[in-house]
């Protein structure tokens, strides 16, 4: 229960309170990356965010530094807060950044009720890959993106589209890969719910996320690859709703 927001009594009395849901995209994503989920959550204040250099912020310079990305997300959330309880949800890149964003918001005495992370086994887990995505040549980069999934084939095969999106995706990977273990000693008071797909690398290490919270931790494995979220929208919506209700009585 997020007592510091001063909303404990109201939440306990009304489990149907409409909460804010801030969504942090994956590498190469934007504010439209979670449209598939929005229709499943009509009673939620659905607020997808995006980093500079894409979507509605395409005229802004790309960020290649993790601390700048964290500050950017923090500032967006602070500007959009309305006093209602809220959840931060991040997929893949958004999961890692979400941990530090939640910690920063705790310091500002406006902590989320819950941090939901997906597509990532958490900080400190070393990849079996022997390369950095942002350093790959275009041909190899395309191969690896296709293996990850989530990127439409037409983007990979159309040279004009690839040339547009490639710098965005590379910048996001560089943001993460330049300082991969900076969160290793981060620990939040916010509850964490972790989700991964059955075919993801390191899915068997999902409980690693438990090391990064002082409070309640839950996890689930759903069927699919790194972008299992696209085929499990209804299940995700149910998990979000159930985890929020549990948090109200924790």
Protein backbone atom coordinates (compact mmCIF):
# COMPACT_ATOMS: atom_id res chain seq x y z
CA UNK A 1 0.00 0.00 0.00
CA UNK A 2 1.37 3.37 -1.04
CA UNK A 3 0.78 5.24 2.21
CA UNK A 4 2.89 8.23 1.28
CA UNK A 5 0.37 9.34 -1.35
CA UNK A 6 -2.24 9.80 1.38
CA UNK A 7 -4.81 7.65 -0.41
CA UNK A 8 -4.95 4.49 1.70
CA UNK A 9 -8.51 4.97 3.04
CA UNK A 10 -10.04 5.81 -0.33
CA UNK A 11 -8.37 2.87 -2.04
CA UNK A 12 -9.42 0.40 0.63
CA UNK A 13 -13.04 1.53 0.35
CA UNK A 14 -13.13 1.56 -3.44
CA UNK A 15 -11.24 -1.15 -5.28
CA UNK A 16 -12.57 0.21 -8.58
CA UNK A 17 -10.54 3.41 -8.36
CA UNK A 18 -9.35 4.36 -11.85
CA UNK A 19 -5.58 4.29 -11.68
CA UNK A 20 -3.02 5.84 -13.99
CA UNK A 21 -0.97 3.39 -16.03
CA UNK A 22 2.31 4.76 -17.41
CA UNK A 23 3.79 2.55 -20.14
CA UNK A 24 7.51 2.53 -21.04
CA UNK A 25 8.29 1.10 -24.47
CA UNK A 26 10.87 -1.42 -25.66
CA UNK A 27 13.94 -0.56 -27.77
CA UNK A 28 12.78 1.07 -30.99
CA UNK A 29 9.27 1.55 -29.63
CA UNK A 30 7.14 4.66 -29.17
CA UNK A 31 3.88 5.81 -27.62
CA UNK A 32 1.92 3.66 -30.10
CA UNK A 33 3.67 0.40 -29.17
CA UNK A 34 0.99 -0.56 -26.64
CA UNK A 35 -2.11 0.13 -28.73
CA UNK A 36 -2.81 -3.62 -28.75
CA UNK A 37 -3.26 -3.47 -24.97
CA UNK A 38 -5.27 -0.27 -24.71
CA UNK A 39 -8.55 -1.79 -25.92
CA UNK A 40 -8.32 -4.41 -23.17
CA UNK A 41 -8.12 -1.77 -20.43
CA UNK A 42 -11.01 0.68 -20.98
CA UNK A 43 -11.32 1.59 -17.30
CA UNK A 44 -7.70 2.58 -16.84
CA UNK A 45 -6.11 5.98 -17.40
CA UNK A 46 -3.85 4.58 -20.14
CA UNK A 47 -0.75 6.79 -20.63
CA UNK A 48 1.92 5.50 -23.04
CA UNK A 49 5.16 7.47 -22.89
CA UNK A 50 7.99 7.75 -25.38
CA UNK A 51 11.60 8.84 -25.41
CA UNK A 52 12.86 11.56 -27.78
CA UNK A 53 13.58 10.90 -31.46
CA UNK A 54 10.42 8.98 -32.37
CA UNK A 55 6.63 9.27 -32.63
CA UNK A 56 5.37 12.69 -31.61
CA UNK A 57 8.90 13.57 -30.44
CA UNK A 58 10.61 12.72 -33.72
CA UNK A 59 12.15 16.18 -34.03
CA UNK A 60 14.04 15.79 -30.74
CA UNK A 61 17.54 14.32 -30.51
CA UNK A 62 17.83 10.63 -29.66
CA UNK A 63 19.04 9.71 -26.17
CA UNK A 64 21.99 7.31 -25.91
CA UNK A 65 22.58 7.68 -22.19
CA UNK A 66 20.63 5.68 -19.61
CA UNK A 67 20.54 8.37 -16.92
CA UNK A 68 19.11 10.87 -19.42
CA UNK A 69 16.41 8.37 -20.41
CA UNK A 70 15.50 7.81 -16.76
CA UNK A 71 15.28 11.56 -16.13
CA UNK A 72 13.14 12.01 -19.24
CA UNK A 73 10.62 9.38 -18.16
CA UNK A 74 10.61 10.73 -14.60
CA UNK A 75 9.85 14.25 -15.82
CA UNK A 76 7.05 13.01 -18.08
CA UNK A 77 5.36 11.11 -15.25
CA UNK A 78 5.70 13.99 -12.79
CA UNK A 79 4.07 16.34 -15.30
CA UNK A 80 1.14 13.95 -15.87
CA UNK A 81 0.43 12.87 -12.29
CA UNK A 82 -3.08 13.68 -11.07
CA UNK A 83 -3.01 12.39 -7.49
CA UNK A 84 -4.61 9.03 -8.31
CA UNK A 85 -2.73 5.79 -7.60
CA UNK A 86 -0.60 4.63 -10.49
CA UNK A 87 1.34 1.75 -12.01
CA UNK A 88 4.51 1.84 -14.08
CA UNK A 89 4.75 -0.84 -16.76
CA UNK A 90 7.83 -1.38 -18.90
CA UNK A 91 8.65 -4.01 -21.49
CA UNK A 92 12.25 -5.05 -22.18
CA UNK A 93 14.19 -1.76 -22.24
CA UNK A 94 11.24 -0.14 -20.46
CA UNK A 95 11.48 -2.72 -17.67
CA UNK A 96 15.08 -1.85 -16.83
CA UNK A 97 14.48 1.89 -17.04
CA UNK A 98 11.26 1.50 -15.06
CA UNK A 99 13.12 0.26 -11.99
CA UNK A 100 15.21 3.43 -11.74
CA UNK A 101 12.25 5.65 -12.64
CA UNK A 102 10.25 4.10 -9.77
CA UNK A 103 13.18 4.65 -7.39
CA UNK A 104 13.41 8.29 -8.44
CA UNK A 105 9.67 8.78 -7.90
CA UNK A 106 9.94 7.17 -4.46
CA UNK A 107 12.59 9.74 -3.58
CA UNK A 108 10.14 12.44 -4.70
CA UNK A 109 7.57 10.92 -2.30
CA UNK A 110 5.19 9.95 -5.11
CA UNK A 111 5.82 6.22 -5.45
CA UNK A 112 3.81 3.95 -7.76
CA UNK A 113 1.55 1.31 -6.30
CA UNK A 114 3.22 -1.27 -8.48
CA UNK A 115 6.02 -1.77 -11.01
CA UNK A 116 5.18 -4.32 -13.71
CA UNK A 117 8.10 -5.51 -15.85
CA UNK A 118 8.06 -7.85 -18.83
CA UNK A 119 10.45 -9.28 -21.40
CA UNK A 120 13.46 -8.92 -19.13
CA UNK A 121 14.97 -11.04 -16.34
CA UNK A 122 16.19 -7.91 -14.58
CA UNK A 123 19.48 -6.20 -13.78
CA UNK A 124 22.68 -8.19 -13.36
CA UNK A 125 21.71 -11.04 -15.70
CA UNK A 126 24.37 -11.52 -18.36
CA UNK A 127 23.24 -12.27 -21.88
CA UNK A 128 24.58 -15.30 -23.70
CA UNK A 129 25.06 -13.05 -26.73
CA UNK A 130 28.72 -12.29 -27.45
CA UNK A 131 27.99 -8.99 -29.19
CA UNK A 132 26.42 -5.58 -28.62
CA UNK A 133 23.36 -4.92 -30.75
CA UNK A 134 24.20 -1.27 -31.39
CA UNK A 135 27.62 -2.19 -32.85
CA UNK A 136 26.39 -4.76 -35.41
CA UNK A 137 26.58 -4.07 -39.13
CA UNK A 138 23.22 -3.66 -40.87
CA UNK A 139 23.00 -7.20 -42.24
CA UNK A 140 23.65 -8.83 -38.85
CA UNK A 141 21.48 -6.25 -37.09
CA UNK A 142 18.53 -7.19 -39.31
CA UNK A 143 19.04 -10.89 -38.54
CA UNK A 144 19.06 -10.30 -34.81
CA UNK A 145 16.01 -8.05 -34.92
CA UNK A 146 14.08 -10.70 -36.83
CA UNK A 147 15.06 -13.27 -34.21
CA UNK A 148 13.86 -11.03 -31.39
CA UNK A 149 10.52 -10.50 -33.11
CA UNK A 150 8.27 -7.50 -32.61
CA UNK A 151 9.64 -5.64 -35.63
CA UNK A 152 7.43 -5.94 -38.74
CA UNK A 153 9.17 -7.82 -41.56
CA UNK A 154 8.38 -4.98 -43.96
CA UNK A 155 10.52 -2.64 -41.84
CA UNK A 156 13.48 -5.00 -42.14
CA UNK A 157 13.00 -5.61 -45.86
CA UNK A 158 12.20 -2.04 -46.91
CA UNK A 159 15.46 -0.10 -47.08
CA UNK A 160 13.82 3.30 -46.58
CA UNK A 161 11.88 2.15 -43.52
CA UNK A 162 14.91 0.37 -42.08
CA UNK A 163 17.10 3.45 -42.54
CA UNK A 164 14.52 5.49 -40.64
CA UNK A 165 14.03 3.11 -37.71
CA UNK A 166 17.55 1.69 -37.43
CA UNK A 167 19.12 4.77 -35.73
CA UNK A 168 16.27 4.81 -33.19
CA UNK A 169 16.67 1.14 -32.31
CA UNK A 170 20.47 1.39 -32.20
CA UNK A 171 20.30 4.43 -29.89
CA UNK A 172 18.04 2.55 -27.49
CA UNK A 173 20.32 -0.48 -27.43
CA UNK A 174 23.34 1.76 -26.90
CA UNK A 175 21.53 3.42 -24.00
CA UNK A 176 21.29 0.03 -22.29
CA UNK A 177 24.49 -1.62 -23.45
CA UNK A 178 26.95 1.11 -22.48
CA UNK A 179 26.20 0.68 -18.78
CA UNK A 180 24.43 -2.68 -18.46
CA UNK A 181 24.74 -3.23 -14.71
CA UNK A 182 24.16 0.24 -13.27
CA UNK A 183 20.99 -0.95 -11.48
CA UNK A 184 22.61 -3.90 -9.69
CA UNK A 185 22.43 -2.18 -6.29
CA UNK A 186 19.06 -0.52 -6.88
CA UNK A 187 16.23 -1.62 -4.59
CA UNK A 188 12.76 -0.10 -4.44
CA UNK A 189 10.00 -0.09 -1.84
CA UNK A 190 7.49 -0.56 -4.66
CA UNK A 191 6.04 -4.03 -5.30
CA UNK A 192 7.24 -5.73 -8.49
CA UNK A 193 5.37 -8.09 -10.80
CA UNK A 194 7.59 -9.71 -13.46
CA UNK A 195 6.37 -11.39 -16.66
CA UNK A 196 8.29 -13.26 -19.35
CA UNK A 197 7.67 -15.53 -22.33
CA UNK A 198 8.42 -19.25 -22.40
CA UNK A 199 10.82 -18.87 -25.33
CA UNK A 200 12.80 -15.94 -23.97
CA UNK A 201 16.46 -16.06 -23.12
CA UNK A 202 16.88 -16.24 -19.32
CA UNK A 203 13.14 -16.69 -18.64
CA UNK A 204 14.16 -19.24 -16.00
CA UNK A 205 15.88 -16.43 -14.07
CA UNK A 206 12.79 -14.25 -13.75
CA UNK A 207 12.92 -14.47 -9.95
CA UNK A 208 16.05 -12.33 -10.15
CA UNK A 209 13.66 -9.36 -9.97
CA UNK A 210 12.87 -10.29 -6.36
CA UNK A 211 16.27 -8.89 -5.37
CA UNK A 212 15.21 -5.40 -6.41
CA UNK A 213 12.23 -4.82 -4.13
CA UNK A 214 11.90 -4.59 -0.35
CA UNK A 215 8.26 -5.65 -0.56
CA UNK A 216 5.87 -7.91 -2.49
CA UNK A 217 7.12 -9.78 -5.56
CA UNK A 218 5.15 -11.95 -7.99
CA UNK A 219 5.97 -13.44 -11.36
CA UNK A 220 4.37 -15.35 -14.22
CA UNK A 221 5.61 -17.05 -17.39
CA UNK A 222 3.30 -16.75 -20.42
CA UNK A 223 3.52 -18.55 -23.75
CA UNK A 224 5.59 -16.85 -26.44
CA UNK A 225 8.86 -15.22 -27.43
CA UNK A 226 10.29 -11.87 -26.40
CA UNK A 227 7.15 -10.18 -27.69
CA UNK A 228 4.74 -12.62 -26.03
CA UNK A 229 2.79 -9.56 -24.91
CA UNK A 230 1.23 -9.15 -28.36
CA UNK A 231 -0.49 -12.54 -28.16
CA UNK A 232 -1.53 -12.24 -24.53
CA UNK A 233 -3.23 -8.84 -24.33
CA UNK A 234 -6.34 -10.04 -22.47
CA UNK A 235 -4.23 -12.05 -20.03
CA UNK A 236 -1.99 -9.04 -19.41
CA UNK A 237 -5.02 -6.86 -18.66
CA UNK A 238 -6.26 -9.43 -16.14
CA UNK A 239 -2.86 -9.65 -14.48
CA UNK A 240 -2.64 -5.86 -14.19
CA UNK A 241 -6.12 -5.65 -12.64
CA UNK A 242 -5.53 -8.53 -10.22
CA UNK A 243 -2.11 -7.32 -9.12
CA UNK A 244 -3.48 -3.84 -8.51
CA UNK A 245 -6.31 -5.19 -6.36
CA UNK A 246 -3.87 -7.34 -4.38
CA UNK A 247 -1.68 -4.34 -3.79
CA UNK A 248 -4.59 -2.39 -2.29
CA UNK A 249 -4.86 -4.90 0.53
CA UNK A 250 -1.18 -5.70 0.96
